[in-house]
């Protein structure tokens, strides 16, 4: 199983060239969410911590054009926590940032059929997501 996962990850990385981000989900608003592939390379990690990015180019409901978030997922409990958040304007300038020191975010349940669930399924070991 680990060999299969590594083969899939290697193939994925090869097909994306130098792009370290793997598209995971598109929100109803058009925001495209990707996860950094190197962060999820450990197939046995039940509590993955990873960076995700959102491209809001097609989503005019938000003022920012992109964001990066650092997530912690508890695969068995089907919960997530945002450890850090960076929002960028169209010129790439940071317009908002928070981190775990702000204690603004807590573990929250992952709702079904959401971007959060798509991220968790991509980050958790195959067949081990508890949602």
Protein backbone atom coordinates (compact mmCIF):
# COMPACT_ATOMS: atom_id res chain seq x y z
CA UNK A 1 0.00 0.00 0.00
CA UNK A 2 2.82 2.41 0.86
CA UNK A 3 4.58 1.53 -2.40
CA UNK A 4 1.38 2.22 -4.34
CA UNK A 5 0.91 5.56 -2.56
CA UNK A 6 4.51 6.56 -3.27
CA UNK A 7 4.12 5.58 -6.93
CA UNK A 8 0.97 7.69 -7.21
CA UNK A 9 2.64 10.64 -5.48
CA UNK A 10 5.73 10.34 -7.69
CA UNK A 11 3.54 10.24 -10.80
CA UNK A 12 1.55 13.21 -9.57
CA UNK A 13 4.67 15.25 -8.93
CA UNK A 14 6.14 14.30 -12.31
CA UNK A 15 3.00 15.34 -14.18
CA UNK A 16 2.94 18.71 -12.40
CA UNK A 17 6.53 19.55 -13.29
CA UNK A 18 7.92 22.12 -10.90
CA UNK A 19 4.52 22.97 -9.42
CA UNK A 20 4.52 21.77 -5.78
CA UNK A 21 0.74 22.34 -5.43
CA UNK A 22 -1.90 19.71 -6.23
CA UNK A 23 -5.44 20.86 -6.97
CA UNK A 24 -7.85 19.27 -4.52
CA UNK A 25 -11.17 21.11 -4.69
CA UNK A 26 -13.19 23.89 -6.28
CA UNK A 27 -15.69 25.67 -4.06
CA UNK A 28 -19.16 26.62 -5.27
CA UNK A 29 -17.93 30.22 -5.45
CA UNK A 30 -15.19 29.25 -7.92
CA UNK A 31 -12.27 29.36 -5.47
CA UNK A 32 -9.70 26.70 -6.36
CA UNK A 33 -8.01 24.94 -3.42
CA UNK A 34 -4.67 23.16 -3.70
CA UNK A 35 -2.49 21.33 -1.21
CA UNK A 36 1.32 21.25 -1.12
CA UNK A 37 2.16 17.71 -2.23
CA UNK A 38 5.37 17.38 -0.21
CA UNK A 39 3.42 18.02 2.99
CA UNK A 40 1.30 14.90 2.48
CA UNK A 41 4.05 12.53 1.34
CA UNK A 42 3.85 10.48 4.57
CA UNK A 43 1.08 7.98 3.79
CA UNK A 44 0.80 6.80 7.41
CA UNK A 45 0.34 10.21 9.09
CA UNK A 46 -3.00 10.26 10.94
CA UNK A 47 -2.55 13.89 12.06
CA UNK A 48 -1.15 15.61 8.98
CA UNK A 49 -0.11 19.26 9.07
CA UNK A 50 0.09 20.91 5.66
CA UNK A 51 -0.16 24.11 3.65
CA UNK A 52 -3.10 24.72 1.35
CA UNK A 53 -3.66 27.60 -1.02
CA UNK A 54 -6.85 29.11 -2.38
CA UNK A 55 -7.03 30.99 -5.66
CA UNK A 56 -10.00 33.36 -5.52
CA UNK A 57 -9.54 34.71 -9.08
CA UNK A 58 -12.98 33.41 -10.08
CA UNK A 59 -14.58 34.25 -6.72
CA UNK A 60 -15.65 37.88 -6.58
CA UNK A 61 -17.39 37.43 -3.22
CA UNK A 62 -14.10 38.02 -1.35
CA UNK A 63 -11.75 40.99 -1.40
CA UNK A 64 -8.58 38.91 -1.37
CA UNK A 65 -7.28 37.17 -4.50
CA UNK A 66 -5.49 34.30 -2.81
CA UNK A 67 -4.69 32.85 0.56
CA UNK A 68 -2.43 30.27 2.15
CA UNK A 69 -3.49 28.33 5.21
CA UNK A 70 -1.66 25.86 7.39
CA UNK A 71 -4.03 23.10 8.47
CA UNK A 72 -3.82 20.38 11.09
CA UNK A 73 -6.18 17.47 10.52
CA UNK A 74 -7.17 14.74 12.94
CA UNK A 75 -8.08 12.01 10.46
CA UNK A 76 -9.73 9.67 12.99
CA UNK A 77 -11.85 12.37 14.64
CA UNK A 78 -12.60 14.16 11.34
CA UNK A 79 -11.66 17.57 12.74
CA UNK A 80 -9.41 20.37 11.49
CA UNK A 81 -7.62 23.38 12.86
CA UNK A 82 -6.24 26.37 10.98
CA UNK A 83 -2.76 27.04 12.37
CA UNK A 84 -1.91 30.02 10.17
CA UNK A 85 -3.64 32.14 7.57
CA UNK A 86 -2.20 34.57 5.02
CA UNK A 87 -4.46 36.56 2.68
CA UNK A 88 -3.09 38.35 -0.39
CA UNK A 89 -4.43 41.20 -2.54
CA UNK A 90 -4.26 41.06 -6.37
CA UNK A 91 -0.68 42.46 -6.28
CA UNK A 92 0.51 39.70 -3.95
CA UNK A 93 0.72 41.87 -0.84
CA UNK A 94 -0.29 40.33 2.49
CA UNK A 95 -3.50 42.02 3.67
CA UNK A 96 -4.22 39.79 6.66
CA UNK A 97 -2.32 37.17 8.62
CA UNK A 98 -2.93 35.15 11.75
CA UNK A 99 -1.17 32.24 13.39
CA UNK A 100 -1.72 29.75 16.17
CA UNK A 101 -0.34 32.20 18.73
CA UNK A 102 -3.46 34.29 18.18
CA UNK A 103 -5.47 31.29 19.44
CA UNK A 104 -8.24 32.37 17.11
CA UNK A 105 -8.86 28.96 15.67
CA UNK A 106 -9.89 25.74 17.42
CA UNK A 107 -10.41 22.20 16.19
CA UNK A 108 -13.69 22.08 14.36
CA UNK A 109 -15.69 19.22 12.87
CA UNK A 110 -15.24 18.70 9.15
CA UNK A 111 -18.60 19.02 7.43
CA UNK A 112 -19.40 16.57 4.63
CA UNK A 113 -19.22 17.66 1.00
CA UNK A 114 -17.05 20.73 1.73
CA UNK A 115 -13.63 21.97 0.72
CA UNK A 116 -12.42 21.03 4.22
CA UNK A 117 -13.50 17.44 3.64
CA UNK A 118 -11.75 17.37 0.25
CA UNK A 119 -8.55 18.65 1.89
CA UNK A 120 -8.81 16.06 4.68
CA UNK A 121 -9.37 13.20 2.24
CA UNK A 122 -6.30 14.31 0.27
CA UNK A 123 -4.11 14.63 3.37
CA UNK A 124 -5.21 11.58 5.37
CA UNK A 125 -3.94 8.08 4.62
CA UNK A 126 -6.00 6.27 1.99
CA UNK A 127 -9.13 4.85 3.58
CA UNK A 128 -8.33 6.29 7.02
CA UNK A 129 -10.39 9.50 6.99
CA UNK A 130 -13.07 9.14 9.66
CA UNK A 131 -15.69 11.51 8.23
